[in-house]
Amino acid sequence: MQKLNAVSQSTGVKMFLILTLALLPLGLIALVASLQAIRTTDLEKEALLRVAVTQSARKLSADLASDRTALMLAANSLATDPPDGGMCQRLSAFLSPHERGGGLYYIYDRRGRRLCGSSAPEPQGLPRAQRFAGDGVQLLPRSQYLVARARSGNGAVVALAYYSRAYLAETASPAGALQNRQITLHQGGNSLLITPAARISSGRSTALSARLEPPDIILTMTMRDPPVTLARLLSLFLPLVMWFAAAAIGWFVVNRLLIRPLVLLRRTVAAYQPGEVLEPMRRIRTPAQEIVALGETFREISEDVATHEAEMAEGLETQRKLTREVHHRVKNNLQIIASLINLHARSAHDAEAVEAYATIQRRVDALSVVHRNHYAELEENHGVGVRSLISELSASLRGTAPAEARRFGIQIESDNLHISQDVAVPIAFLLTELVELAMLSDPRTAMRISVQLEAGRRDRAILHIVSPALRGSPDMTERLEERYGRVLTGLSRQLRAPLDHDPETGDYIIAITVLP
């Protein structure tokens, strides 16, 4: 029972049921309405157009046939000898409706004399030489007229009837209220548009044709598709409406049940700080049981993290106290060692023993200086400061120097650099050895110690120790070979860099690693 309830409350099941029920009516309506509307509209349009083009062709053919018959009778009558004088009046009375609609007629003999006709000038487009030649009906595209020709039986007289576009359009207009139509007459390569072109706008259209009498003229009727109305758009694009409705409903459901709660949950988790306890479900209201369970899981995880953070902070504080205690004990031990060496040095009477104790004292002091600086920088975790290390070491060395070397000067130039304890210890011993060597060689001179960053590097610096007392000499060579040379070589190996010496200037150079 519990499993069934969990399935029924699942977000996926809810979305499936909602989308199925919402889209089923739309799918049925779109399928039935679109197919039926499109099929009915196309059939009705084609049927109306077929009836209209047939009716227009018959009306125009009948009108042309009757007019040609009247023209034939008039031409035969005027071709007799003597001609019938009243025939022109009867023909004019018969064709008077044509003249009011834009139709004109003229009758000529072989010599080009006008026997009778309309009072208006004859339209251009039909040369005099072609009055007796040509088909019974001829299109004149340049002058926008259709001319009907009827010759007398003996060929002496020809009757011409000109039909304007307005007259042809009125005659060929179908009886039905067919909108948006366009009628065109075609004869060979010539065509004559007898309805205004503005009736057919841009868009899709349908065209049907029918032959006139005589059969070499074709009447083509073109009808534009029905205008795009709201109802037609709905019927044609109902599947798109259905998809849009599906997307809208799906978005609403997913956004309401999943996306919005997940966004709020993500923001809450993103703003989480270690040590806090997350309560995301206080601000999120969603029926999705999976998201509720996820929020509860985050709350439990945050509680565990807060507990572990407190335990780690307590352990770190304990470790810090132990480290301080260890450093304190080491410092005390170094002070005890230094005191014992000092006591033994005072009780010694041999000059060499006193000097040996002083040498040991200086090494212990160098190690003590490194330890004190390392302990001072431990809280900030920056490493040992090079400038403070060299300054304190120089002061200590001058304090323990022999009496004749108490005025030995040490000049320090250093960037604000920091080094690790592994580098600080060999540097302190290296400086102690070189200062002691310089004091023994020439206690009245001075020394310059500089530490500058290497060009283009952030992790390496160059240590320079320059003193006239370190220049090459037989005594210097002897001291280096006896003890100092081996010590300096060992210290340079610990620094993993060669120690270069310039005997002419007394310059010792070595590259050291600094903290970035």
Protein backbone atom coordinates (compact mmCIF):
# COMPACT_ATOMS: atom_id res chain seq x y z
CA MET A 1 0.00 0.00 0.00
CA GLN A 2 2.84 2.39 0.86
CA LYS A 3 4.59 1.57 -2.42
CA LEU A 4 1.38 2.29 -4.36
CA ASN A 5 0.99 5.65 -2.62
CA ALA A 6 4.62 6.56 -3.41
CA VAL A 7 4.08 5.77 -7.10
CA SER A 8 0.86 7.80 -7.24
CA GLN A 9 2.60 10.83 -5.64
CA SER A 10 5.59 10.67 -8.01
CA THR A 11 6.22 13.80 -10.08
CA GLY A 12 6.64 11.78 -13.28
CA VAL A 13 3.22 10.11 -12.85
CA LYS A 14 1.56 13.46 -12.14
CA MET A 15 3.11 15.07 -15.23
CA PHE A 16 2.16 12.09 -17.41
CA LEU A 17 -1.49 12.16 -16.29
CA ILE A 18 -1.84 15.94 -16.62
CA LEU A 19 -0.28 16.08 -20.10
CA THR A 20 -2.31 13.08 -21.31
CA LEU A 21 -5.67 14.51 -20.17
CA ALA A 22 -4.85 18.03 -21.39
CA LEU A 23 -3.61 17.11 -24.87
CA LEU A 24 -6.17 14.42 -25.74
CA PRO A 25 -9.03 16.86 -26.63
CA LEU A 26 -6.66 19.15 -28.50
CA GLY A 27 -5.30 16.28 -30.54
CA LEU A 28 -8.76 15.06 -31.56
CA ILE A 29 -9.97 18.58 -32.43
CA ALA A 30 -6.84 19.33 -34.47
CA LEU A 31 -7.06 16.08 -36.41
CA VAL A 32 -10.76 16.33 -37.32
CA ALA A 33 -11.05 20.10 -37.84
CA SER A 34 -7.90 20.56 -39.90
CA LEU A 35 -8.54 17.71 -42.31
CA GLN A 36 -12.21 18.53 -42.80
CA ALA A 37 -11.74 22.28 -43.19
CA ILE A 38 -8.88 22.01 -45.66
CA ARG A 39 -10.60 19.39 -47.77
CA THR A 40 -13.94 21.22 -47.88
CA THR A 41 -12.34 24.57 -48.72
CA ASP A 42 -10.27 23.19 -51.56
CA LEU A 43 -13.20 21.35 -53.13
CA GLU A 44 -15.54 24.32 -52.92
CA LYS A 45 -12.96 26.68 -54.36
CA GLU A 46 -12.18 24.43 -57.29
CA ALA A 47 -15.87 23.81 -58.05
CA LEU A 48 -16.74 27.51 -57.97
CA LEU A 49 -13.81 28.39 -60.17
CA ARG A 50 -14.67 25.69 -62.71
CA VAL A 51 -18.28 26.90 -62.98
CA ALA A 52 -17.18 30.53 -63.22
CA VAL A 53 -14.60 30.00 -65.99
CA THR A 54 -17.04 27.90 -68.01
CA GLN A 55 -19.79 30.49 -67.65
CA SER A 56 -17.47 33.36 -68.58
CA ALA A 57 -16.21 31.54 -71.67
CA ARG A 58 -19.76 30.80 -72.84
CA LYS A 59 -20.98 34.35 -72.29
CA LEU A 60 -18.04 35.87 -74.13
CA SER A 61 -18.26 33.34 -76.98
CA ALA A 62 -21.99 33.98 -77.41
CA ASP A 63 -21.54 37.73 -77.44
CA LEU A 64 -18.72 37.54 -80.00
CA ALA A 65 -20.72 35.16 -82.19
CA SER A 66 -23.81 37.40 -82.26
CA ASP A 67 -21.75 40.48 -83.02
CA ARG A 68 -19.88 38.76 -85.83
CA THR A 69 -23.17 37.63 -87.33
CA ALA A 70 -24.47 41.22 -87.32
CA LEU A 71 -21.22 42.46 -88.81
CA MET A 72 -21.36 39.77 -91.50
CA LEU A 73 -24.90 40.81 -92.51
CA ALA A 74 -23.92 44.46 -92.62
CA ALA A 75 -20.81 43.74 -94.70
CA ASN A 76 -22.79 41.62 -97.20
CA SER A 77 -25.44 44.30 -97.46
CA LEU A 78 -22.94 47.06 -98.06
CA ALA A 79 -21.03 44.94 -100.57
CA THR A 80 -24.09 44.68 -102.88
CA ASP A 81 -24.67 47.13 -105.70
CA PRO A 82 -26.42 49.42 -104.88
CA PRO A 83 -25.64 49.19 -101.13
CA ASP A 84 -28.34 49.17 -98.52
CA GLY A 85 -28.34 52.74 -97.15
CA GLY A 86 -30.19 51.94 -93.91
CA MET A 87 -27.93 49.09 -92.84
CA CYS A 88 -25.50 51.38 -90.95
CA GLN A 89 -28.34 52.82 -88.87
CA ARG A 90 -29.65 49.37 -88.00
CA LEU A 91 -26.13 48.10 -87.16
CA SER A 92 -25.47 51.16 -84.99
CA ALA A 93 -28.73 50.57 -83.14
CA PHE A 94 -27.81 46.91 -82.60
CA LEU A 95 -24.30 47.73 -81.34
CA SER A 96 -25.19 50.81 -79.30
CA PRO A 97 -24.89 48.89 -75.95
CA HIS A 98 -21.38 47.92 -76.99
CA GLU A 99 -20.46 51.55 -77.63
CA ARG A 100 -21.73 52.63 -74.22
CA GLY A 101 -19.55 49.90 -72.69
CA GLY A 102 -16.47 50.86 -74.67
CA GLY A 103 -17.03 48.81 -77.86
CA LEU A 104 -16.35 50.35 -81.31
CA TYR A 105 -17.09 49.15 -84.86
CA TYR A 106 -15.95 50.19 -88.35
CA ILE A 107 -16.71 48.99 -91.91
CA TYR A 108 -14.20 49.48 -94.78
CA ASP A 109 -14.09 48.60 -98.43
CA ARG A 110 -11.01 47.45 -100.32
CA ARG A 111 -9.96 51.00 -101.14
CA GLY A 112 -9.83 51.84 -97.43
CA ARG A 113 -12.94 54.01 -97.37
CA ARG A 114 -14.96 53.94 -94.16
CA LEU A 115 -18.49 53.06 -95.13
CA CYS A 116 -19.85 53.46 -91.60
CA GLY A 117 -18.79 53.06 -87.99
CA SER A 118 -18.42 54.66 -84.59
CA SER A 119 -17.73 58.37 -84.27
CA ALA A 120 -14.66 57.80 -82.07
CA PRO A 121 -11.28 57.33 -83.75
CA GLU A 122 -10.26 53.78 -84.52
CA PRO A 123 -7.85 52.33 -81.92
CA GLN A 124 -4.23 51.79 -82.90
CA GLY A 125 -2.72 48.34 -83.27
CA LEU A 126 -4.28 47.01 -86.49
CA PRO A 127 -2.49 48.23 -89.66
CA ARG A 128 -4.53 49.03 -92.74
CA ALA A 129 -2.97 46.17 -94.68
CA GLN A 130 -4.24 43.67 -92.08
CA ARG A 131 -7.87 44.73 -92.06
CA PHE A 132 -8.88 42.05 -94.56
CA ALA A 133 -6.26 39.48 -93.39
CA GLY A 134 -6.10 37.57 -90.15
CA ASP A 135 -8.36 35.47 -87.95
CA GLY A 136 -11.95 36.22 -87.19
CA VAL A 137 -11.02 37.26 -83.65
CA GLN A 138 -7.62 38.77 -82.85
CA LEU A 139 -5.99 40.11 -79.65
CA LEU A 140 -4.29 43.51 -79.77
CA PRO A 141 -2.14 43.58 -76.56
CA ARG A 142 -0.53 46.96 -77.30
CA SER A 143 -3.79 48.84 -77.66
CA GLN A 144 -5.52 46.65 -75.04
CA TYR A 145 -8.38 45.71 -77.41
CA LEU A 146 -9.89 42.58 -78.89
CA VAL A 147 -10.95 42.94 -82.53
CA ALA A 148 -13.61 40.82 -84.25
CA ARG A 149 -13.44 40.69 -88.06
CA ALA A 150 -16.26 39.81 -90.53
CA ARG A 151 -15.74 39.92 -94.31
CA SER A 152 -18.46 40.05 -96.94
CA GLY A 153 -19.07 37.07 -99.17
CA ASN A 154 -17.32 38.65 -102.14
CA GLY A 155 -14.42 39.95 -100.00
CA ALA A 156 -15.03 43.57 -100.94
CA VAL A 157 -16.05 44.84 -97.52
CA VAL A 158 -14.76 44.07 -94.04
CA ALA A 159 -16.43 44.92 -90.73
CA LEU A 160 -14.32 45.36 -87.58
CA ALA A 161 -15.59 45.44 -83.99
CA TYR A 162 -13.19 46.59 -81.21
CA TYR A 163 -13.88 45.48 -77.64
CA SER A 164 -12.20 47.34 -74.77
CA ARG A 165 -10.98 45.70 -71.59
CA ALA A 166 -13.85 47.22 -69.59
CA TYR A 167 -16.42 45.80 -71.96
CA LEU A 168 -14.77 42.37 -72.04
CA ALA A 169 -14.53 42.32 -68.23
CA GLU A 170 -18.20 43.18 -67.87
CA THR A 171 -19.23 40.62 -70.48
CA ALA A 172 -17.02 37.82 -69.12
CA SER A 173 -17.91 38.46 -65.49
CA PRO A 174 -19.55 35.32 -64.02
CA ALA A 175 -22.97 35.51 -62.49
CA GLY A 176 -21.83 34.24 -59.08
CA ALA A 177 -20.27 36.45 -56.42
CA LEU A 178 -16.79 35.08 -56.95
CA GLN A 179 -14.27 37.38 -55.31
CA ASN A 180 -10.59 37.98 -56.00
CA ARG A 181 -10.71 36.76 -59.59
CA GLN A 182 -8.59 37.69 -62.57
CA ILE A 183 -9.48 36.96 -66.22
CA THR A 184 -6.90 36.79 -69.00
CA LEU A 185 -7.29 36.00 -72.71
CA HIS A 186 -4.52 34.11 -74.53
CA GLN A 187 -4.01 33.72 -78.30
CA GLY A 188 -0.76 32.13 -79.33
CA GLY A 189 1.99 34.21 -77.73
CA ASN A 190 -0.29 37.18 -77.05
CA SER A 191 -2.24 37.73 -73.86
CA LEU A 192 -4.70 40.38 -72.71
CA LEU A 193 -5.58 40.99 -69.08
CA ILE A 194 -9.19 42.13 -69.00
CA THR A 195 -9.61 42.52 -65.22
CA PRO A 196 -7.57 44.81 -62.96
CA ALA A 197 -4.40 43.17 -61.74
CA ALA A 198 -4.97 44.55 -58.25
CA ARG A 199 -7.63 41.93 -57.64
CA ILE A 200 -4.93 39.28 -57.25
CA SER A 201 -2.54 40.12 -54.43
CA SER A 202 0.59 38.30 -53.51
CA GLY A 203 0.03 34.81 -52.21
CA ARG A 204 -1.16 31.48 -53.45
CA SER A 205 -3.77 31.27 -56.22
CA THR A 206 -5.60 28.72 -58.40
CA ALA A 207 -6.12 29.03 -62.18
CA LEU A 208 -8.45 27.20 -64.63
CA SER A 209 -8.88 27.74 -68.42
CA ALA A 210 -11.61 27.28 -71.05
CA ARG A 211 -11.62 27.72 -74.86
CA LEU A 212 -13.71 30.35 -76.62
CA GLU A 213 -15.31 30.22 -80.05
CA PRO A 214 -13.19 30.50 -82.20
CA PRO A 215 -11.13 27.83 -80.42
CA ASP A 216 -7.71 29.53 -80.76
CA ILE A 217 -8.50 31.91 -77.87
CA ILE A 218 -8.24 30.61 -74.31
CA LEU A 219 -9.86 32.31 -71.33
CA THR A 220 -7.95 31.79 -68.06
CA MET A 221 -9.48 32.69 -64.71
CA THR A 222 -7.21 32.94 -61.68
CA MET A 223 -8.59 33.12 -58.16
CA ARG A 224 -6.64 33.93 -55.05
CA ASP A 225 -6.89 31.59 -52.10
CA PRO A 226 -9.22 32.72 -49.33
CA PRO A 227 -7.77 35.44 -47.09
CA VAL A 228 -5.97 34.38 -43.99
CA THR A 229 -8.47 34.90 -41.20
CA LEU A 230 -8.27 33.96 -37.55
CA ALA A 231 -10.56 31.00 -38.07
CA ARG A 232 -8.53 29.77 -41.03
CA LEU A 233 -5.30 30.20 -39.10
CA LEU A 234 -6.71 28.20 -36.25
CA SER A 235 -7.85 25.47 -38.60
CA LEU A 236 -4.57 25.33 -40.47
CA PHE A 237 -2.23 25.76 -37.54
CA LEU A 238 -4.18 23.89 -34.94
CA PRO A 239 -1.43 21.25 -34.65
CA LEU A 240 1.03 24.04 -33.83
CA VAL A 241 -1.41 25.43 -31.30
CA MET A 242 -1.62 21.97 -29.83
CA TRP A 243 2.18 21.73 -29.56
CA PHE A 244 2.35 25.19 -28.03
CA ALA A 245 -0.30 24.30 -25.51
CA ALA A 246 1.58 21.09 -24.75
CA ALA A 247 4.81 23.02 -24.24
CA ALA A 248 3.08 25.63 -22.06
CA ILE A 249 1.36 23.06 -19.92
CA GLY A 250 4.50 20.96 -19.68
CA TRP A 251 6.56 24.02 -18.75
CA PHE A 252 4.08 25.09 -16.11
CA VAL A 253 3.98 21.67 -14.56
CA VAL A 254 7.75 21.17 -14.66
CA ASN A 255 8.45 24.70 -13.44
CA ARG A 256 5.93 24.46 -10.63
CA LEU A 257 6.88 21.00 -9.46
CA LEU A 258 10.59 20.75 -10.31
CA ILE A 259 12.48 23.75 -11.70
CA ARG A 260 11.46 26.48 -9.26
CA PRO A 261 11.94 24.32 -6.16
CA LEU A 262 15.28 23.10 -7.50
CA VAL A 263 16.43 26.68 -8.19
CA LEU A 264 15.53 27.73 -4.66
CA LEU A 265 17.24 24.64 -3.30
CA ARG A 266 20.38 25.38 -5.35
CA ARG A 267 20.50 28.97 -4.09
CA THR A 268 20.18 27.81 -0.51
CA VAL A 269 22.93 25.23 -0.96
CA ALA A 270 25.16 27.76 -2.82
CA ALA A 271 24.86 30.19 0.11
CA TYR A 272 25.79 27.47 2.56
CA GLN A 273 28.69 28.19 4.88
CA PRO A 274 30.51 25.37 6.66
CA GLY A 275 29.21 25.02 10.17
CA GLU A 276 25.65 26.09 9.37
CA VAL A 277 22.64 23.80 9.36
CA LEU A 278 20.61 23.99 6.13
CA GLU A 279 16.84 24.38 6.39
CA PRO A 280 15.89 24.66 2.69
CA MET A 281 12.36 23.32 3.00
CA ARG A 282 11.28 26.25 5.17
CA ARG A 283 11.18 28.48 2.05
CA ILE A 284 10.28 25.87 -0.56
CA ARG A 285 6.73 24.67 -1.05
CA THR A 286 6.37 21.90 -3.60
CA PRO A 287 4.25 18.75 -3.92
CA ALA A 288 7.28 16.89 -5.33
CA GLN A 289 8.14 14.39 -2.64
CA GLU A 290 11.54 13.73 -4.24
CA ILE A 291 12.62 17.37 -3.78
CA VAL A 292 11.32 17.35 -0.19
CA ALA A 293 13.40 14.23 0.46
CA LEU A 294 16.43 15.89 -1.21
CA GLY A 295 16.07 18.95 1.03
CA GLU A 296 15.91 16.74 4.11
CA THR A 297 19.04 14.95 2.92
CA PHE A 298 20.88 18.28 2.60
CA ARG A 299 19.77 19.21 6.10
CA GLU A 300 21.12 15.95 7.51
CA ILE A 301 24.39 16.35 5.60
CA SER A 302 24.79 19.93 6.87
CA GLU A 303 24.23 18.72 10.42
CA ASP A 304 26.95 16.10 9.98
CA VAL A 305 29.29 18.68 8.41
CA ALA A 306 28.66 21.12 11.28
CA THR A 307 29.44 18.39 13.80
CA HIS A 308 32.64 17.43 11.96
CA GLU A 309 33.64 21.10 11.60
CA ALA A 310 33.31 21.58 15.35
CA GLU A 311 35.36 18.45 15.99
CA MET A 312 38.03 19.52 13.48
CA ALA A 313 38.19 23.03 14.96
CA GLU A 314 38.65 21.55 18.42
CA GLY A 315 41.33 19.17 17.13
CA LEU A 316 43.09 22.01 15.28
CA GLU A 317 43.15 24.12 18.41
CA THR A 318 44.61 21.23 20.36
CA GLN A 319 47.23 20.70 17.64
CA ARG A 320 48.09 24.40 17.67
CA LYS A 321 48.59 24.30 21.42
CA LEU A 322 50.80 21.22 21.10
CA THR A 323 52.83 22.86 18.33
CA ARG A 324 53.33 25.97 20.43
CA GLU A 325 54.42 23.83 23.32
CA VAL A 326 56.92 21.96 21.12
CA HIS A 327 58.37 25.22 19.79
CA HIS A 328 58.56 26.60 23.30
CA ARG A 329 60.44 23.53 24.49
CA VAL A 330 62.80 23.66 21.48
CA LYS A 331 63.52 27.33 22.15
CA ASN A 332 64.19 26.59 25.82
CA ASN A 333 66.49 23.71 24.89
CA LEU A 334 68.46 25.94 22.51
CA GLN A 335 68.78 28.56 25.22
CA ILE A 336 69.99 25.91 27.69
CA ILE A 337 72.54 24.67 25.14
CA ALA A 338 73.72 28.21 24.48
CA SER A 339 74.03 28.84 28.24
CA LEU A 340 76.00 25.63 28.78
CA ILE A 341 78.39 26.50 25.92
CA ASN A 342 78.84 29.98 27.40
CA LEU A 343 79.60 28.53 30.86
CA HIS A 344 82.14 26.09 29.42
CA ALA A 345 83.71 28.88 27.37
CA ARG A 346 84.22 31.01 30.54
CA SER A 347 85.89 28.12 32.38
CA ALA A 348 88.27 27.39 29.49
CA HIS A 349 91.80 28.84 29.68
CA ASP A 350 93.14 27.75 26.30
CA ALA A 351 92.64 30.30 23.50
CA GLU A 352 91.90 27.62 20.95
CA ALA A 353 89.22 26.08 23.21
CA VAL A 354 87.64 29.51 23.75
CA GLU A 355 87.59 30.07 19.99
CA ALA A 356 86.05 26.61 19.43
CA TYR A 357 83.33 27.34 21.99
CA ALA A 358 82.66 30.68 20.27
CA THR A 359 82.39 28.98 16.91
CA ILE A 360 79.90 26.48 18.29
CA GLN A 361 78.06 29.31 20.05
CA ARG A 362 77.60 31.15 16.76
CA ARG A 363 76.12 28.04 15.03
CA VAL A 364 73.70 27.48 17.88
CA ASP A 365 72.72 31.16 17.78
CA ALA A 366 72.14 30.89 14.00
CA LEU A 367 69.85 27.90 14.52
CA SER A 368 68.07 29.74 17.33
CA VAL A 369 67.50 32.78 15.09
CA VAL A 370 65.95 30.59 12.39
CA HIS A 371 63.75 28.91 14.94
CA ARG A 372 62.53 32.19 16.46
CA ASN A 373 61.66 33.66 13.03
CA HIS A 374 59.95 30.48 11.94
CA TYR A 375 57.91 30.44 15.13
CA ALA A 376 56.95 34.11 14.69
CA GLU A 377 55.76 33.54 11.11
CA LEU A 378 53.98 30.28 11.92
CA GLU A 379 50.70 31.95 12.89
CA GLU A 380 50.36 33.71 9.51
CA ASN A 381 51.79 30.81 7.52
CA HIS A 382 53.97 33.09 5.41
CA GLY A 383 57.28 31.37 6.07
CA VAL A 384 60.45 32.91 7.46
CA GLY A 385 61.10 36.56 6.57
CA VAL A 386 64.47 36.90 4.84
CA ARG A 387 65.13 40.49 5.94
CA SER A 388 64.36 39.88 9.62
CA LEU A 389 66.34 36.63 9.59
CA ILE A 390 69.48 38.28 8.18
CA SER A 391 69.13 41.32 10.45
CA GLU A 392 68.81 39.30 13.63
CA LEU A 393 71.53 36.90 12.56
CA SER A 394 73.90 39.80 11.82
CA ALA A 395 73.27 41.34 15.22
CA SER A 396 73.91 38.00 16.92
CA LEU A 397 77.14 37.46 14.98
CA ARG A 398 78.49 40.90 15.87
CA GLY A 399 77.61 40.26 19.50
CA THR A 400 79.60 36.99 19.64
CA ALA A 401 82.47 38.19 17.44
CA PRO A 402 86.01 38.44 18.79
CA ALA A 403 87.05 41.73 20.38
CA GLU A 404 89.04 42.87 17.34
CA ALA A 405 85.97 42.23 15.06
CA ARG A 406 83.33 44.03 17.13
CA ARG A 407 83.39 46.94 14.67
CA PHE A 408 82.87 44.62 11.68
CA GLY A 409 80.12 46.26 9.63
CA ILE A 410 77.30 44.35 7.88
CA GLN A 411 75.06 46.14 5.33
CA ILE A 412 71.78 44.41 4.41
CA GLU A 413 69.68 44.95 1.25
CA SER A 414 66.71 42.65 0.82
CA ASP A 415 63.29 42.56 -0.81
CA ASN A 416 60.27 41.61 1.24
CA LEU A 417 60.71 37.88 0.69
CA HIS A 418 59.82 34.75 2.65
CA ILE A 419 61.44 31.33 2.64
CA SER A 420 60.64 27.97 4.13
CA GLN A 421 62.39 26.59 7.20
CA ASP A 422 64.19 24.02 5.02
CA VAL A 423 65.82 26.90 3.13
CA ALA A 424 66.25 29.20 6.16
CA VAL A 425 68.49 26.79 8.13
CA PRO A 426 71.19 26.30 5.45
CA ILE A 427 71.11 30.03 4.62
CA ALA A 428 71.64 30.92 8.28
CA PHE A 429 74.58 28.53 8.54
CA LEU A 430 75.96 29.76 5.19
CA LEU A 431 75.91 33.38 6.37
CA THR A 432 77.45 32.38 9.71
CA GLU A 433 80.30 30.56 7.99
CA LEU A 434 81.02 33.41 5.57
CA VAL A 435 80.79 36.15 8.24
CA GLU A 436 83.09 34.20 10.53
CA LEU A 437 85.50 33.58 7.64
CA ALA A 438 85.50 37.31 6.80
CA MET A 439 86.05 38.29 10.45
CA LEU A 440 89.02 35.93 10.70
CA SER A 441 90.50 37.19 7.42
CA ASP A 442 90.10 40.94 7.96
CA PRO A 443 88.12 42.02 11.09
CA ARG A 444 88.41 45.76 10.22
CA THR A 445 86.53 45.59 6.91
CA ALA A 446 82.78 45.32 6.17
CA MET A 447 80.30 43.07 4.34
CA ARG A 448 77.23 43.67 2.16
CA ILE A 449 74.45 41.05 2.03
CA SER A 450 71.69 41.47 -0.60
CA VAL A 451 68.74 39.28 -1.58
CA GLN A 452 66.86 40.27 -4.78
CA LEU A 453 64.29 38.46 -6.92
CA GLU A 454 65.64 36.88 -10.07
CA ALA A 455 64.50 38.68 -13.22
CA GLY A 456 61.32 37.17 -14.64
CA ARG A 457 60.86 34.79 -11.68
CA ARG A 458 58.60 34.92 -8.64
CA ASP A 459 59.91 31.80 -6.92
CA ARG A 460 63.69 32.36 -7.05
CA ALA A 461 66.01 35.01 -5.59
CA ILE A 462 69.75 35.69 -5.79
CA LEU A 463 71.75 35.89 -2.53
CA HIS A 464 74.94 38.05 -2.76
CA ILE A 465 77.57 38.13 0.02
CA VAL A 466 80.31 40.65 -0.86
CA SER A 467 83.27 41.61 1.32
CA PRO A 468 86.91 42.58 0.64
CA ALA A 469 87.86 40.04 3.34
CA LEU A 470 86.55 37.25 1.07
CA ARG A 471 88.90 38.01 -1.80
CA GLY A 472 91.34 35.37 -2.91
CA SER A 473 94.60 35.10 -0.86
CA PRO A 474 96.89 32.35 0.44
CA ASP A 475 95.33 32.59 3.93
CA MET A 476 91.83 32.44 2.39
CA THR A 477 92.78 29.39 0.34
CA GLU A 478 94.20 27.68 3.40
CA ARG A 479 91.09 28.31 5.53
CA LEU A 480 88.80 27.09 2.75
CA GLU A 481 90.78 23.90 2.32
CA GLU A 482 90.98 23.19 6.03
CA ARG A 483 87.32 23.55 7.02
CA TYR A 484 85.17 26.27 5.48
CA GLY A 485 85.23 25.00 1.90
CA ARG A 486 83.74 21.61 2.78
CA VAL A 487 81.05 23.24 4.95
CA LEU A 488 80.08 25.75 2.25
CA THR A 489 79.88 22.97 -0.35
CA GLY A 490 77.62 20.91 1.90
CA LEU A 491 75.33 23.89 2.55
CA SER A 492 75.07 24.66 -1.18
CA ARG A 493 74.05 21.07 -1.78
CA GLN A 494 71.30 21.46 0.79
CA LEU A 495 70.11 24.54 -1.10
CA ARG A 496 70.34 22.54 -4.37
CA ALA A 497 72.19 25.34 -6.16
CA PRO A 498 75.86 26.01 -6.96
CA LEU A 499 77.71 28.52 -4.80
CA ASP A 500 79.74 30.77 -7.11
CA HIS A 501 82.77 32.70 -5.80
CA ASP A 502 84.56 35.58 -7.48
CA PRO A 503 88.03 35.80 -5.83
CA GLU A 504 88.79 39.23 -7.31
CA THR A 505 85.72 40.96 -5.78
CA GLY A 506 85.11 38.63 -2.85
CA ASP A 507 81.52 37.94 -4.03
CA TYR A 508 79.67 34.76 -3.16
CA ILE A 509 76.46 34.17 -5.21
CA ILE A 510 73.82 31.46 -4.82
CA ALA A 511 70.20 31.11 -6.01
CA ILE A 512 67.61 30.30 -3.33
CA THR A 513 63.95 29.29 -3.50
CA VAL A 514 61.43 31.78 -2.06
CA LEU A 515 57.74 31.46 -1.31
CA PRO A 516 55.47 33.14 -3.88
